[in-house]
């Protein structure tokens, strides 16, 4: 890992431990489901230190470029890659869908702003954008 600002996240693997790469997990939820999500995360065998963004937005971008923005509460926390499968299964057992969980490299997350990800197979949108601060008027990245 370099301390120089020109270093790219893809060129560094220093954020790895015995349980794999350190990743950033994001889970958008309805405000009424926040307590249930936090209770599910509390059952995991590894510590969770969540950051909660109450003014977040999830933007769904269709193939024709039309956007649908929805306010959300966004819960983010670090985890190791080997822990993601267990975390997903705990959330699914608690009624959350696996597609709701977003996983990104911790270095990419630290250097990026909003998180853009491809839609899962069968979704009615092409990509999803997670914004920590909820400006519904921002234009989604093409």
N, C-alpha and C. Protein backbone atom coordinates (compact mmCIF):
# COMPACT_ATOMS: atom_id res chain seq x y z
N UNK A 1 0.84 -1.18 0.00
CA UNK A 1 0.00 0.00 0.00
C UNK A 1 0.88 1.23 0.00
N UNK A 2 0.58 2.17 -0.83
CA UNK A 2 1.36 3.39 -0.95
C UNK A 2 0.70 4.53 -0.18
N UNK A 3 1.50 5.44 0.32
CA UNK A 3 0.96 6.63 0.97
C UNK A 3 0.78 7.76 -0.03
N UNK A 4 1.19 7.55 -1.27
CA UNK A 4 1.12 8.59 -2.28
C UNK A 4 -0.28 8.65 -2.88
N UNK A 5 -0.78 9.88 -3.14
CA UNK A 5 -2.14 10.04 -3.65
C UNK A 5 -2.36 9.47 -5.05
N UNK A 6 -1.30 9.15 -5.76
CA UNK A 6 -1.45 8.60 -7.11
C UNK A 6 -1.65 7.09 -7.10
N UNK A 7 -1.54 6.47 -5.95
CA UNK A 7 -1.74 5.02 -5.87
C UNK A 7 -3.19 4.69 -6.15
N UNK A 8 -3.42 3.66 -6.92
CA UNK A 8 -4.79 3.25 -7.22
C UNK A 8 -5.18 2.09 -6.34
N UNK A 9 -6.45 2.01 -5.97
CA UNK A 9 -6.88 0.91 -5.10
C UNK A 9 -6.60 -0.46 -5.70
N UNK A 10 -6.73 -0.60 -7.02
CA UNK A 10 -6.52 -1.89 -7.65
C UNK A 10 -5.07 -2.35 -7.57
N UNK A 11 -4.15 -1.40 -7.38
CA UNK A 11 -2.74 -1.77 -7.37
C UNK A 11 -2.26 -2.20 -5.98
N UNK A 12 -3.14 -2.17 -4.99
CA UNK A 12 -2.72 -2.47 -3.63
C UNK A 12 -3.56 -3.60 -3.05
N UNK A 13 -2.88 -4.52 -2.39
CA UNK A 13 -3.60 -5.58 -1.69
C UNK A 13 -3.23 -5.59 -0.22
N UNK A 14 -2.83 -4.44 0.30
CA UNK A 14 -2.37 -4.37 1.68
C UNK A 14 -3.49 -4.50 2.70
N UNK A 15 -4.73 -4.34 2.28
CA UNK A 15 -5.83 -4.44 3.23
C UNK A 15 -6.40 -5.86 3.25
N UNK A 16 -5.49 -6.81 3.40
CA UNK A 16 -5.87 -8.21 3.48
C UNK A 16 -5.41 -8.78 4.81
N UNK A 17 -6.19 -9.70 5.30
CA UNK A 17 -5.83 -10.39 6.54
C UNK A 17 -6.03 -11.87 6.36
N UNK A 18 -6.01 -12.59 7.44
CA UNK A 18 -6.15 -14.04 7.36
C UNK A 18 -7.53 -14.47 6.86
N UNK A 19 -8.52 -13.55 6.91
CA UNK A 19 -9.86 -13.86 6.44
C UNK A 19 -10.17 -13.19 5.11
N UNK A 20 -9.13 -12.83 4.36
CA UNK A 20 -9.31 -12.26 3.03
C UNK A 20 -9.21 -10.74 3.02
N UNK A 21 -9.66 -10.17 1.92
CA UNK A 21 -9.60 -8.73 1.72
C UNK A 21 -10.60 -8.01 2.64
N UNK A 22 -10.21 -6.84 3.11
CA UNK A 22 -11.12 -6.01 3.87
C UNK A 22 -12.06 -5.33 2.89
N UNK A 23 -13.36 -5.50 3.09
CA UNK A 23 -14.36 -4.94 2.17
C UNK A 23 -15.31 -4.03 2.95
N UNK A 24 -16.02 -3.24 2.18
CA UNK A 24 -17.05 -2.37 2.74
C UNK A 24 -18.41 -2.93 2.35
N UNK A 25 -19.26 -3.17 3.34
CA UNK A 25 -20.60 -3.71 3.12
C UNK A 25 -21.59 -2.56 3.27
N UNK A 26 -22.52 -2.46 2.34
CA UNK A 26 -23.60 -1.47 2.42
C UNK A 26 -24.93 -2.19 2.30
N UNK A 27 -25.86 -1.84 3.17
CA UNK A 27 -27.19 -2.43 3.13
C UNK A 27 -28.22 -1.30 3.25
N UNK A 28 -28.92 -0.98 2.15
CA UNK A 28 -29.98 0.02 2.26
C UNK A 28 -31.25 -0.64 2.81
N UNK A 29 -31.89 0.03 3.74
CA UNK A 29 -33.12 -0.49 4.35
C UNK A 29 -34.13 0.63 4.52
N UNK A 30 -35.37 0.23 4.65
CA UNK A 30 -36.42 1.17 5.04
C UNK A 30 -36.16 1.53 6.50
N UNK A 31 -36.42 2.77 6.89
CA UNK A 31 -36.17 3.15 8.29
C UNK A 31 -36.85 2.23 9.30
N UNK A 32 -38.02 1.72 8.97
CA UNK A 32 -38.73 0.84 9.92
C UNK A 32 -38.04 -0.52 10.09
N UNK A 33 -37.14 -0.88 9.14
CA UNK A 33 -36.43 -2.15 9.22
C UNK A 33 -35.03 -2.04 9.82
N UNK A 34 -34.64 -0.83 10.20
CA UNK A 34 -33.28 -0.61 10.71
C UNK A 34 -33.01 -1.43 11.97
N UNK A 35 -33.90 -1.42 12.92
CA UNK A 35 -33.68 -2.16 14.17
C UNK A 35 -33.56 -3.66 13.89
N UNK A 36 -34.40 -4.19 13.01
CA UNK A 36 -34.34 -5.62 12.67
C UNK A 36 -33.00 -5.96 12.01
N UNK A 37 -32.50 -5.08 11.14
CA UNK A 37 -31.20 -5.30 10.50
C UNK A 37 -30.09 -5.30 11.55
N UNK A 38 -30.09 -4.33 12.43
CA UNK A 38 -29.04 -4.25 13.45
C UNK A 38 -29.08 -5.45 14.39
N UNK A 39 -30.28 -5.93 14.72
CA UNK A 39 -30.40 -7.12 15.56
C UNK A 39 -29.85 -8.35 14.85
N UNK A 40 -30.10 -8.46 13.55
CA UNK A 40 -29.56 -9.59 12.78
C UNK A 40 -28.03 -9.52 12.75
N UNK A 41 -27.48 -8.34 12.51
CA UNK A 41 -26.02 -8.19 12.46
C UNK A 41 -25.39 -8.50 13.81
N UNK A 42 -26.10 -8.22 14.89
CA UNK A 42 -25.57 -8.48 16.23
C UNK A 42 -25.40 -9.96 16.51
N UNK A 43 -26.06 -10.82 15.75
CA UNK A 43 -25.94 -12.27 15.97
C UNK A 43 -24.70 -12.86 15.31
N UNK A 44 -24.02 -12.09 14.48
CA UNK A 44 -22.83 -12.60 13.81
C UNK A 44 -21.70 -12.84 14.80
N UNK A 45 -20.81 -13.76 14.46
CA UNK A 45 -19.71 -14.15 15.33
C UNK A 45 -18.54 -13.18 15.28
N UNK A 46 -18.59 -12.21 14.38
CA UNK A 46 -17.53 -11.22 14.28
C UNK A 46 -18.13 -9.84 14.56
N UNK A 47 -17.30 -8.91 15.04
CA UNK A 47 -17.83 -7.60 15.43
C UNK A 47 -18.27 -6.77 14.22
N UNK A 48 -19.36 -6.06 14.41
CA UNK A 48 -19.88 -5.14 13.39
C UNK A 48 -19.90 -3.76 14.02
N UNK A 49 -19.29 -2.79 13.34
CA UNK A 49 -19.31 -1.41 13.79
C UNK A 49 -19.96 -0.58 12.68
N UNK A 50 -21.29 -0.50 12.67
CA UNK A 50 -21.96 0.13 11.54
C UNK A 50 -21.94 1.65 11.58
N UNK A 51 -21.88 2.23 10.39
CA UNK A 51 -22.09 3.66 10.19
C UNK A 51 -23.47 3.76 9.56
N UNK A 52 -24.34 4.60 10.09
CA UNK A 52 -25.71 4.68 9.61
C UNK A 52 -25.94 6.05 8.98
N UNK A 53 -26.40 6.04 7.73
CA UNK A 53 -26.73 7.26 7.00
C UNK A 53 -28.25 7.30 6.84
N UNK A 54 -28.89 8.17 7.61
CA UNK A 54 -30.35 8.24 7.58
C UNK A 54 -30.87 9.01 6.37
N UNK A 55 -30.02 9.80 5.74
CA UNK A 55 -30.42 10.63 4.61
C UNK A 55 -29.83 10.12 3.30
N UNK A 56 -29.84 8.82 3.10
CA UNK A 56 -29.25 8.22 1.90
C UNK A 56 -30.30 8.11 0.79
N UNK A 57 -29.81 7.82 -0.40
CA UNK A 57 -30.67 7.63 -1.56
C UNK A 57 -30.17 6.45 -2.37
N UNK A 58 -31.09 5.65 -2.87
CA UNK A 58 -30.77 4.58 -3.81
C UNK A 58 -31.42 4.96 -5.13
N UNK A 59 -30.59 5.04 -6.18
CA UNK A 59 -31.08 5.40 -7.51
C UNK A 59 -31.01 4.17 -8.39
N UNK A 60 -32.13 3.82 -8.99
CA UNK A 60 -32.20 2.69 -9.92
C UNK A 60 -32.22 3.27 -11.33
N UNK A 61 -31.28 2.84 -12.18
CA UNK A 61 -31.18 3.35 -13.53
C UNK A 61 -31.55 2.25 -14.51
N UNK A 62 -32.58 2.52 -15.33
CA UNK A 62 -33.05 1.55 -16.32
C UNK A 62 -32.16 1.59 -17.56
N UNK A 63 -32.34 0.61 -18.43
CA UNK A 63 -31.56 0.52 -19.66
C UNK A 63 -31.70 1.73 -20.55
N UNK A 64 -32.86 2.40 -20.51
CA UNK A 64 -33.07 3.58 -21.36
C UNK A 64 -32.60 4.87 -20.68
N UNK A 65 -31.99 4.75 -19.50
CA UNK A 65 -31.45 5.91 -18.81
C UNK A 65 -32.41 6.55 -17.82
N UNK A 66 -33.64 6.12 -17.78
CA UNK A 66 -34.56 6.69 -16.80
C UNK A 66 -34.16 6.26 -15.39
N UNK A 67 -34.39 7.14 -14.46
CA UNK A 67 -33.97 6.93 -13.09
C UNK A 67 -35.16 6.95 -12.13
N UNK A 68 -35.05 6.14 -11.10
CA UNK A 68 -36.03 6.15 -10.02
C UNK A 68 -35.22 6.24 -8.73
N UNK A 69 -35.38 7.34 -8.01
CA UNK A 69 -34.64 7.56 -6.78
C UNK A 69 -35.54 7.31 -5.59
N UNK A 70 -35.02 6.59 -4.61
CA UNK A 70 -35.78 6.28 -3.40
C UNK A 70 -34.95 6.62 -2.18
N UNK A 71 -35.55 7.34 -1.23
CA UNK A 71 -34.82 7.61 0.01
C UNK A 71 -34.65 6.30 0.78
N UNK A 72 -33.56 6.20 1.53
CA UNK A 72 -33.28 4.98 2.29
C UNK A 72 -32.40 5.31 3.48
N UNK A 73 -32.35 4.38 4.39
CA UNK A 73 -31.35 4.41 5.45
C UNK A 73 -30.27 3.44 5.01
N UNK A 74 -29.03 3.90 4.98
CA UNK A 74 -27.91 3.08 4.50
C UNK A 74 -27.02 2.71 5.68
N UNK A 75 -26.82 1.41 5.86
CA UNK A 75 -25.97 0.90 6.94
C UNK A 75 -24.70 0.37 6.29
N UNK A 76 -23.56 0.90 6.71
CA UNK A 76 -22.27 0.46 6.16
C UNK A 76 -21.36 0.00 7.28
N UNK A 77 -20.56 -1.01 6.96
CA UNK A 77 -19.60 -1.52 7.94
C UNK A 77 -18.52 -2.31 7.22
N UNK A 78 -17.33 -2.37 7.81
CA UNK A 78 -16.26 -3.18 7.23
C UNK A 78 -16.41 -4.64 7.65
N UNK A 79 -15.91 -5.51 6.80
CA UNK A 79 -15.86 -6.95 7.09
C UNK A 79 -14.77 -7.54 6.22
N UNK A 80 -14.41 -8.76 6.50
CA UNK A 80 -13.46 -9.46 5.64
C UNK A 80 -14.23 -10.31 4.64
N UNK A 81 -13.64 -10.49 3.48
CA UNK A 81 -14.31 -11.19 2.38
C UNK A 81 -14.82 -12.58 2.80
N UNK A 82 -14.06 -13.28 3.62
CA UNK A 82 -14.49 -14.61 4.06
C UNK A 82 -15.73 -14.57 4.96
N UNK A 83 -16.07 -13.42 5.48
CA UNK A 83 -17.22 -13.27 6.37
C UNK A 83 -18.51 -12.92 5.62
N UNK A 84 -18.39 -12.55 4.35
CA UNK A 84 -19.55 -12.06 3.58
C UNK A 84 -20.62 -13.14 3.43
N UNK A 85 -20.23 -14.36 3.12
CA UNK A 85 -21.22 -15.43 2.92
C UNK A 85 -22.06 -15.64 4.18
N UNK A 86 -21.41 -15.70 5.34
CA UNK A 86 -22.12 -15.88 6.60
C UNK A 86 -23.05 -14.69 6.87
N UNK A 87 -22.56 -13.48 6.62
CA UNK A 87 -23.35 -12.29 6.84
C UNK A 87 -24.59 -12.28 5.95
N UNK A 88 -24.44 -12.67 4.68
CA UNK A 88 -25.59 -12.74 3.76
C UNK A 88 -26.62 -13.77 4.25
N UNK A 89 -26.15 -14.92 4.70
CA UNK A 89 -27.09 -15.96 5.13
C UNK A 89 -27.85 -15.52 6.39
N UNK A 90 -27.19 -14.82 7.30
CA UNK A 90 -27.86 -14.31 8.49
C UNK A 90 -28.92 -13.27 8.10
N UNK A 91 -28.57 -12.39 7.17
CA UNK A 91 -29.54 -11.37 6.74
C UNK A 91 -30.73 -12.00 6.01
N UNK A 92 -30.46 -12.99 5.15
CA UNK A 92 -31.54 -13.66 4.44
C UNK A 92 -32.45 -14.40 5.42
N UNK A 93 -31.89 -15.00 6.45
CA UNK A 93 -32.69 -15.69 7.46
C UNK A 93 -33.56 -14.70 8.25
N UNK A 94 -33.15 -13.44 8.24
CA UNK A 94 -33.91 -12.40 8.94
C UNK A 94 -34.87 -11.66 8.02
N UNK A 95 -35.00 -12.13 6.77
CA UNK A 95 -35.96 -11.54 5.86
C UNK A 95 -35.42 -10.50 4.90
N UNK A 96 -34.12 -10.30 4.86
CA UNK A 96 -33.52 -9.35 3.91
C UNK A 96 -33.05 -10.12 2.69
N UNK A 97 -33.16 -9.51 1.52
CA UNK A 97 -32.73 -10.20 0.29
C UNK A 97 -31.22 -10.04 0.10
N UNK A 98 -30.62 -11.05 -0.49
CA UNK A 98 -29.19 -11.01 -0.76
C UNK A 98 -28.80 -9.90 -1.72
N UNK A 99 -29.71 -9.54 -2.64
CA UNK A 99 -29.42 -8.48 -3.61
C UNK A 99 -29.30 -7.11 -2.94
N UNK A 100 -29.88 -6.96 -1.76
CA UNK A 100 -29.81 -5.67 -1.08
C UNK A 100 -28.39 -5.37 -0.59
N UNK A 101 -27.61 -6.40 -0.35
CA UNK A 101 -26.26 -6.25 0.17
C UNK A 101 -25.30 -5.86 -0.95
N UNK A 102 -24.53 -4.80 -0.71
CA UNK A 102 -23.53 -4.35 -1.67
C UNK A 102 -22.15 -4.52 -1.04
N UNK A 103 -21.23 -5.11 -1.80
CA UNK A 103 -19.87 -5.36 -1.31
C UNK A 103 -18.89 -4.67 -2.24
N UNK A 104 -17.98 -3.89 -1.68
CA UNK A 104 -16.96 -3.20 -2.48
C UNK A 104 -15.62 -3.27 -1.74
N UNK A 105 -14.56 -3.18 -2.49
CA UNK A 105 -13.23 -3.10 -1.89
C UNK A 105 -13.18 -1.90 -0.94
N UNK A 106 -12.60 -2.08 0.21
CA UNK A 106 -12.51 -0.99 1.17
C UNK A 106 -11.74 0.19 0.59
N UNK A 107 -10.68 -0.08 -0.15
CA UNK A 107 -9.91 1.01 -0.75
C UNK A 107 -10.74 1.77 -1.79
N UNK A 108 -11.51 1.06 -2.60
CA UNK A 108 -12.38 1.73 -3.57
C UNK A 108 -13.41 2.57 -2.85
N UNK A 109 -13.98 2.03 -1.79
CA UNK A 109 -15.00 2.76 -1.05
C UNK A 109 -14.43 4.02 -0.41
N UNK A 110 -13.22 3.94 0.12
CA UNK A 110 -12.60 5.10 0.76
C UNK A 110 -12.29 6.19 -0.26
N UNK A 111 -11.96 5.80 -1.49
CA UNK A 111 -11.57 6.78 -2.50
C UNK A 111 -12.73 7.22 -3.38
N UNK A 112 -13.84 6.51 -3.33
CA UNK A 112 -14.97 6.84 -4.19
C UNK A 112 -16.02 7.63 -3.45
N UNK A 113 -16.94 8.16 -4.20
CA UNK A 113 -18.07 8.86 -3.61
C UNK A 113 -19.25 7.92 -3.54
N UNK A 114 -20.12 8.05 -4.50
CA UNK A 114 -21.26 7.15 -4.54
C UNK A 114 -20.84 5.80 -5.11
N UNK A 115 -21.57 4.77 -4.75
CA UNK A 115 -21.25 3.41 -5.18
C UNK A 115 -22.20 3.02 -6.32
N UNK A 116 -21.62 2.68 -7.48
CA UNK A 116 -22.41 2.25 -8.64
C UNK A 116 -22.16 0.77 -8.84
N UNK A 117 -23.25 0.01 -8.99
CA UNK A 117 -23.11 -1.43 -9.18
C UNK A 117 -24.12 -1.94 -10.19
N UNK A 118 -23.75 -2.99 -10.88
CA UNK A 118 -24.64 -3.61 -11.86
C UNK A 118 -25.81 -4.28 -11.15
N UNK A 119 -26.92 -4.36 -11.86
CA UNK A 119 -28.11 -5.00 -11.31
C UNK A 119 -27.94 -6.51 -11.28
N UNK A 120 -28.55 -7.17 -10.32
CA UNK A 120 -28.52 -8.64 -10.32
C UNK A 120 -29.36 -9.18 -11.48
N UNK A 121 -29.12 -10.42 -11.85
CA UNK A 121 -29.87 -11.04 -12.95
C UNK A 121 -31.37 -10.98 -12.66
N UNK A 122 -32.15 -10.60 -13.67
CA UNK A 122 -33.60 -10.56 -13.54
C UNK A 122 -34.16 -9.27 -12.97
N UNK A 123 -33.31 -8.32 -12.60
CA UNK A 123 -33.81 -7.05 -12.05
C UNK A 123 -34.43 -6.20 -13.15
N UNK A 124 -35.30 -5.30 -12.76
CA UNK A 124 -35.94 -4.42 -13.74
C UNK A 124 -35.18 -3.11 -13.91
N UNK A 125 -33.91 -3.12 -13.60
CA UNK A 125 -33.03 -1.96 -13.79
C UNK A 125 -31.66 -2.46 -14.21
N UNK A 126 -30.83 -1.56 -14.77
CA UNK A 126 -29.49 -1.94 -15.24
C UNK A 126 -28.41 -1.75 -14.18
N UNK A 127 -28.55 -0.71 -13.40
CA UNK A 127 -27.56 -0.46 -12.34
C UNK A 127 -28.23 0.28 -11.20
N UNK A 128 -27.55 0.21 -10.05
CA UNK A 128 -28.04 0.84 -8.83
C UNK A 128 -26.93 1.73 -8.30
N UNK A 129 -27.30 2.90 -7.81
CA UNK A 129 -26.35 3.85 -7.26
C UNK A 129 -26.72 4.10 -5.81
N UNK A 130 -25.76 3.89 -4.91
CA UNK A 130 -25.97 4.14 -3.48
C UNK A 130 -25.30 5.46 -3.13
N UNK A 131 -26.07 6.37 -2.58
CA UNK A 131 -25.54 7.68 -2.17
C UNK A 131 -25.74 7.84 -0.67
N UNK A 132 -24.65 8.16 0.00
CA UNK A 132 -24.70 8.30 1.45
C UNK A 132 -25.49 9.53 1.89
N UNK A 133 -25.44 10.57 1.07
CA UNK A 133 -26.24 11.74 1.41
C UNK A 133 -27.33 11.85 0.39
N UNK A 134 -28.52 12.15 0.83
CA UNK A 134 -29.72 11.93 0.02
C UNK A 134 -30.17 12.99 -0.92
N UNK A 135 -29.33 13.55 -1.73
CA UNK A 135 -29.82 14.49 -2.72
C UNK A 135 -30.50 13.72 -3.85
N UNK A 136 -31.81 13.83 -3.92
CA UNK A 136 -32.56 13.12 -4.95
C UNK A 136 -32.44 13.79 -6.30
N UNK A 137 -31.85 14.98 -6.37
CA UNK A 137 -31.80 15.71 -7.63
C UNK A 137 -30.51 15.51 -8.41
N UNK A 138 -29.52 14.84 -7.83
CA UNK A 138 -28.27 14.58 -8.56
C UNK A 138 -28.50 13.67 -9.74
N UNK A 139 -27.78 13.91 -10.84
CA UNK A 139 -27.87 13.07 -12.03
C UNK A 139 -27.05 11.82 -11.82
N UNK A 140 -27.65 10.66 -12.10
CA UNK A 140 -26.95 9.39 -11.97
C UNK A 140 -25.85 9.29 -13.02
N UNK A 141 -24.73 8.66 -12.64
CA UNK A 141 -23.63 8.48 -13.59
C UNK A 141 -24.06 7.54 -14.70
N UNK A 142 -23.70 7.89 -15.92
CA UNK A 142 -24.05 7.08 -17.10
C UNK A 142 -23.09 5.95 -17.27
